[in-house]
Amino acid sequence: MDVGDESFNMTSNMSKFFVHYGVYPPELDAKPALDVAVCIEAALQSIMATDTDKLDTFDDPGGWGNWSAAVGFLREIRAACCRVPGDTVRVSW
């Protein structure tokens, strides 16, 4: 995922998690960074209100991704979007 001149990467093994919280990266492609930041903020609020036992069910059983790393990824993307709110997010998933 690219925002401005920054690139971010997360395993696609967390797709179910991103879909569940409405921030599936391919669906964010070509959207304004400010809109993506708002969407991610809403998702983060929902995630933080979820019991960790439920969040643990999204972890990849093979160890190739976990909800905690996915939250960190979302926070990084949100921060980048806030730095360049007029930019367009680009995703190659």
N, C-alpha and C. Protein backbone atom coordinates (compact mmCIF):
# COMPACT_ATOMS: atom_id res chain seq x y z
N MET A 1 0.86 -1.16 0.00
CA MET A 1 0.00 0.00 0.00
C MET A 1 0.91 1.22 0.00
N ASP A 2 0.63 2.16 -0.88
CA ASP A 2 1.43 3.38 -0.99
C ASP A 2 0.58 4.60 -0.67
N VAL A 3 1.17 5.45 0.17
CA VAL A 3 0.56 6.73 0.53
C VAL A 3 1.66 7.77 0.41
N GLY A 4 1.47 8.73 -0.48
CA GLY A 4 2.54 9.69 -0.72
C GLY A 4 3.77 8.95 -1.22
N ASP A 5 4.90 9.21 -0.62
CA ASP A 5 6.12 8.50 -1.03
C ASP A 5 6.47 7.38 -0.05
N GLU A 6 5.50 6.95 0.75
CA GLU A 6 5.71 5.87 1.72
C GLU A 6 5.01 4.60 1.26
N SER A 7 5.64 3.47 1.55
CA SER A 7 5.07 2.16 1.21
C SER A 7 4.93 1.32 2.47
N PHE A 8 3.85 0.58 2.54
CA PHE A 8 3.55 -0.26 3.70
C PHE A 8 3.14 -1.64 3.21
N ASN A 9 3.45 -2.65 3.99
CA ASN A 9 3.15 -4.01 3.58
C ASN A 9 2.60 -4.81 4.76
N MET A 10 1.62 -5.64 4.46
CA MET A 10 1.04 -6.53 5.45
C MET A 10 0.64 -7.81 4.74
N THR A 11 0.80 -8.93 5.42
CA THR A 11 0.45 -10.22 4.83
C THR A 11 -1.04 -10.29 4.48
N SER A 12 -1.32 -10.89 3.36
CA SER A 12 -2.72 -11.07 2.96
C SER A 12 -3.42 -12.11 3.83
N ASN A 13 -2.67 -12.81 4.67
CA ASN A 13 -3.28 -13.77 5.60
C ASN A 13 -4.21 -13.09 6.59
N MET A 14 -4.13 -11.78 6.69
CA MET A 14 -5.00 -11.04 7.60
C MET A 14 -6.23 -10.47 6.88
N SER A 15 -6.48 -10.92 5.68
CA SER A 15 -7.61 -10.41 4.89
C SER A 15 -8.94 -10.50 5.63
N LYS A 16 -9.18 -11.62 6.27
CA LYS A 16 -10.45 -11.81 6.99
C LYS A 16 -10.63 -10.73 8.07
N PHE A 17 -9.56 -10.41 8.75
CA PHE A 17 -9.58 -9.35 9.77
C PHE A 17 -9.93 -8.01 9.13
N PHE A 18 -9.23 -7.67 8.05
CA PHE A 18 -9.46 -6.38 7.39
C PHE A 18 -10.88 -6.29 6.82
N VAL A 19 -11.37 -7.36 6.24
CA VAL A 19 -12.73 -7.37 5.71
C VAL A 19 -13.73 -7.16 6.85
N HIS A 20 -13.53 -7.88 7.93
CA HIS A 20 -14.46 -7.80 9.07
C HIS A 20 -14.57 -6.36 9.59
N TYR A 21 -13.47 -5.64 9.61
CA TYR A 21 -13.48 -4.28 10.15
C TYR A 21 -13.61 -3.20 9.07
N GLY A 22 -13.87 -3.61 7.83
CA GLY A 22 -14.18 -2.65 6.78
C GLY A 22 -13.00 -1.88 6.22
N VAL A 23 -11.81 -2.45 6.34
CA VAL A 23 -10.60 -1.78 5.83
C VAL A 23 -9.77 -2.74 4.98
N TYR A 24 -10.44 -3.50 4.13
CA TYR A 24 -9.75 -4.44 3.25
C TYR A 24 -8.95 -3.62 2.23
N PRO A 25 -7.62 -3.73 2.25
CA PRO A 25 -6.78 -2.86 1.42
C PRO A 25 -7.19 -2.73 -0.05
N PRO A 26 -7.51 -3.80 -0.78
CA PRO A 26 -7.88 -3.59 -2.18
C PRO A 26 -9.08 -2.66 -2.37
N GLU A 27 -9.96 -2.60 -1.38
CA GLU A 27 -11.12 -1.71 -1.48
C GLU A 27 -10.76 -0.25 -1.18
N LEU A 28 -9.55 -0.02 -0.69
CA LEU A 28 -9.09 1.35 -0.39
C LEU A 28 -8.31 1.95 -1.56
N ASP A 29 -8.03 1.15 -2.56
CA ASP A 29 -7.25 1.61 -3.71
C ASP A 29 -7.95 2.77 -4.42
N ALA A 30 -7.17 3.78 -4.76
CA ALA A 30 -7.62 4.95 -5.53
C ALA A 30 -8.55 5.87 -4.74
N LYS A 31 -8.61 5.68 -3.44
CA LYS A 31 -9.43 6.56 -2.59
C LYS A 31 -8.56 7.70 -2.05
N PRO A 32 -9.17 8.85 -1.79
CA PRO A 32 -8.42 9.96 -1.19
C PRO A 32 -7.87 9.57 0.19
N ALA A 33 -6.65 9.98 0.45
CA ALA A 33 -6.00 9.62 1.71
C ALA A 33 -6.82 10.06 2.92
N LEU A 34 -7.43 11.22 2.86
CA LEU A 34 -8.23 11.69 4.00
C LEU A 34 -9.41 10.75 4.26
N ASP A 35 -10.06 10.27 3.21
CA ASP A 35 -11.17 9.33 3.37
C ASP A 35 -10.68 8.02 3.98
N VAL A 36 -9.51 7.56 3.55
CA VAL A 36 -8.95 6.33 4.08
C VAL A 36 -8.61 6.51 5.56
N ALA A 37 -8.06 7.66 5.93
CA ALA A 37 -7.74 7.92 7.34
C ALA A 37 -8.99 7.86 8.20
N VAL A 38 -10.08 8.44 7.73
CA VAL A 38 -11.34 8.43 8.47
C VAL A 38 -11.87 7.00 8.61
N CYS A 39 -11.81 6.24 7.54
CA CYS A 39 -12.26 4.85 7.55
C CYS A 39 -11.43 4.02 8.54
N ILE A 40 -10.12 4.20 8.50
CA ILE A 40 -9.24 3.46 9.40
C ILE A 40 -9.49 3.86 10.85
N GLU A 41 -9.70 5.13 11.10
CA GLU A 41 -9.98 5.58 12.48
C GLU A 41 -11.22 4.88 13.02
N ALA A 42 -12.27 4.80 12.22
CA ALA A 42 -13.50 4.12 12.66
C ALA A 42 -13.22 2.64 12.93
N ALA A 43 -12.44 2.01 12.06
CA ALA A 43 -12.10 0.60 12.25
C ALA A 43 -11.30 0.41 13.53
N LEU A 44 -10.33 1.28 13.78
CA LEU A 44 -9.51 1.16 14.98
C LEU A 44 -10.35 1.31 16.24
N GLN A 45 -11.31 2.21 16.23
CA GLN A 45 -12.18 2.35 17.39
C GLN A 45 -12.98 1.08 17.63
N SER A 46 -13.46 0.48 16.56
CA SER A 46 -14.21 -0.77 16.68
C SER A 46 -13.31 -1.91 17.16
N ILE A 47 -12.12 -1.98 16.62
CA ILE A 47 -11.17 -3.03 17.02
C ILE A 47 -10.85 -2.90 18.51
N MET A 48 -10.57 -1.70 18.96
CA MET A 48 -10.18 -1.49 20.35
C MET A 48 -11.34 -1.77 21.32
N ALA A 49 -12.57 -1.76 20.80
CA ALA A 49 -13.73 -2.07 21.64
C ALA A 49 -14.05 -3.57 21.64
N THR A 50 -13.25 -4.35 20.91
CA THR A 50 -13.48 -5.78 20.79
C THR A 50 -12.63 -6.54 21.80
N ASP A 51 -13.20 -7.56 22.40
CA ASP A 51 -12.49 -8.40 23.35
C ASP A 51 -11.30 -9.08 22.66
N THR A 52 -10.17 -9.13 23.35
CA THR A 52 -8.96 -9.71 22.73
C THR A 52 -9.13 -11.18 22.38
N ASP A 53 -9.97 -11.91 23.10
CA ASP A 53 -10.20 -13.31 22.74
C ASP A 53 -10.82 -13.42 21.36
N LYS A 54 -11.75 -12.51 21.04
CA LYS A 54 -12.34 -12.51 19.70
C LYS A 54 -11.30 -12.09 18.67
N LEU A 55 -10.50 -11.08 19.00
CA LEU A 55 -9.46 -10.63 18.07
C LEU A 55 -8.46 -11.75 17.78
N ASP A 56 -8.16 -12.54 18.79
CA ASP A 56 -7.21 -13.65 18.61
C ASP A 56 -7.68 -14.64 17.56
N THR A 57 -8.99 -14.73 17.33
CA THR A 57 -9.50 -15.68 16.33
C THR A 57 -9.10 -15.28 14.91
N PHE A 58 -8.67 -14.03 14.72
CA PHE A 58 -8.25 -13.58 13.40
C PHE A 58 -6.78 -13.89 13.11
N ASP A 59 -6.03 -14.27 14.14
CA ASP A 59 -4.61 -14.56 13.94
C ASP A 59 -4.44 -15.76 13.00
N ASP A 60 -3.43 -15.67 12.13
CA ASP A 60 -3.15 -16.77 11.21
C ASP A 60 -2.59 -17.95 12.01
N PRO A 61 -3.22 -19.13 11.88
CA PRO A 61 -2.76 -20.28 12.66
C PRO A 61 -1.32 -20.69 12.33
N GLY A 62 -0.86 -20.35 11.15
CA GLY A 62 0.51 -20.69 10.76
C GLY A 62 1.53 -19.67 11.23
N GLY A 63 1.06 -18.62 11.92
CA GLY A 63 1.97 -17.61 12.43
C GLY A 63 2.36 -16.54 11.44
N TRP A 64 1.62 -16.46 10.32
CA TRP A 64 1.97 -15.49 9.28
C TRP A 64 1.19 -14.19 9.38
N GLY A 65 0.72 -13.86 10.55
CA GLY A 65 0.02 -12.61 10.76
C GLY A 65 -0.81 -12.67 12.02
N ASN A 66 -0.93 -11.54 12.70
CA ASN A 66 -1.77 -11.47 13.89
C ASN A 66 -2.44 -10.11 13.96
N TRP A 67 -3.50 -10.06 14.75
CA TRP A 67 -4.29 -8.84 14.80
C TRP A 67 -3.49 -7.67 15.34
N SER A 68 -2.57 -7.92 16.25
CA SER A 68 -1.78 -6.83 16.82
C SER A 68 -0.91 -6.17 15.74
N ALA A 69 -0.27 -6.97 14.91
CA ALA A 69 0.53 -6.41 13.81
C ALA A 69 -0.36 -5.69 12.81
N ALA A 70 -1.56 -6.22 12.57
CA ALA A 70 -2.49 -5.59 11.64
C ALA A 70 -2.93 -4.22 12.16
N VAL A 71 -3.11 -4.10 13.47
CA VAL A 71 -3.46 -2.81 14.06
C VAL A 71 -2.31 -1.82 13.87
N GLY A 72 -1.10 -2.28 14.08
CA GLY A 72 0.06 -1.42 13.86
C GLY A 72 0.13 -0.94 12.42
N PHE A 73 -0.13 -1.84 11.49
CA PHE A 73 -0.17 -1.51 10.07
C PHE A 73 -1.21 -0.43 9.80
N LEU A 74 -2.41 -0.61 10.35
CA LEU A 74 -3.47 0.38 10.15
C LEU A 74 -3.10 1.73 10.73
N ARG A 75 -2.48 1.73 11.88
CA ARG A 75 -2.06 3.00 12.50
C ARG A 75 -1.02 3.72 11.63
N GLU A 76 -0.10 2.96 11.06
CA GLU A 76 0.91 3.55 10.18
C GLU A 76 0.26 4.15 8.94
N ILE A 77 -0.68 3.41 8.35
CA ILE A 77 -1.38 3.90 7.16
C ILE A 77 -2.17 5.17 7.50
N ARG A 78 -2.89 5.15 8.62
CA ARG A 78 -3.67 6.32 9.03
C ARG A 78 -2.76 7.54 9.20
N ALA A 79 -1.63 7.36 9.85
CA ALA A 79 -0.70 8.48 10.06
C ALA A 79 -0.18 9.01 8.73
N ALA A 80 0.16 8.11 7.81
CA ALA A 80 0.65 8.54 6.50
C ALA A 80 -0.43 9.29 5.75
N CYS A 81 -1.66 8.81 5.82
CA CYS A 81 -2.78 9.49 5.16
C CYS A 81 -2.99 10.90 5.72
N CYS A 82 -2.80 11.04 7.01
CA CYS A 82 -2.95 12.36 7.64
C CYS A 82 -1.84 13.31 7.22
N ARG A 83 -0.67 12.76 6.90
CA ARG A 83 0.45 13.62 6.46
C ARG A 83 0.22 14.16 5.05
N VAL A 84 -0.51 13.39 4.22
CA VAL A 84 -0.76 13.82 2.83
C VAL A 84 -2.24 13.62 2.51
N PRO A 85 -3.14 14.36 3.18
CA PRO A 85 -4.57 14.12 3.03
C PRO A 85 -5.11 14.32 1.62
N GLY A 86 -4.43 15.07 0.81
CA GLY A 86 -4.90 15.30 -0.56
C GLY A 86 -4.39 14.26 -1.55
N ASP A 87 -3.58 13.33 -1.10
CA ASP A 87 -3.02 12.30 -1.98
C ASP A 87 -4.05 11.19 -2.20
N THR A 88 -3.72 10.30 -3.09
CA THR A 88 -4.56 9.13 -3.38
C THR A 88 -3.81 7.89 -2.93
N VAL A 89 -4.50 7.00 -2.24
CA VAL A 89 -3.91 5.75 -1.78
C VAL A 89 -3.84 4.76 -2.95
N ARG A 90 -2.73 4.05 -3.03
CA ARG A 90 -2.53 3.04 -4.08
C ARG A 90 -2.25 1.70 -3.40
N VAL A 91 -2.94 0.67 -3.88
CA VAL A 91 -2.81 -0.64 -3.28
C VAL A 91 -2.52 -1.69 -4.35
N SER A 92 -1.51 -2.48 -4.12
CA SER A 92 -1.29 -3.70 -4.89
C SER A 92 -1.24 -4.82 -3.87
N TRP A 93 -2.22 -5.65 -3.87
CA TRP A 93 -2.41 -6.64 -2.81
C TRP A 93 -2.09 -7.96 -3.40
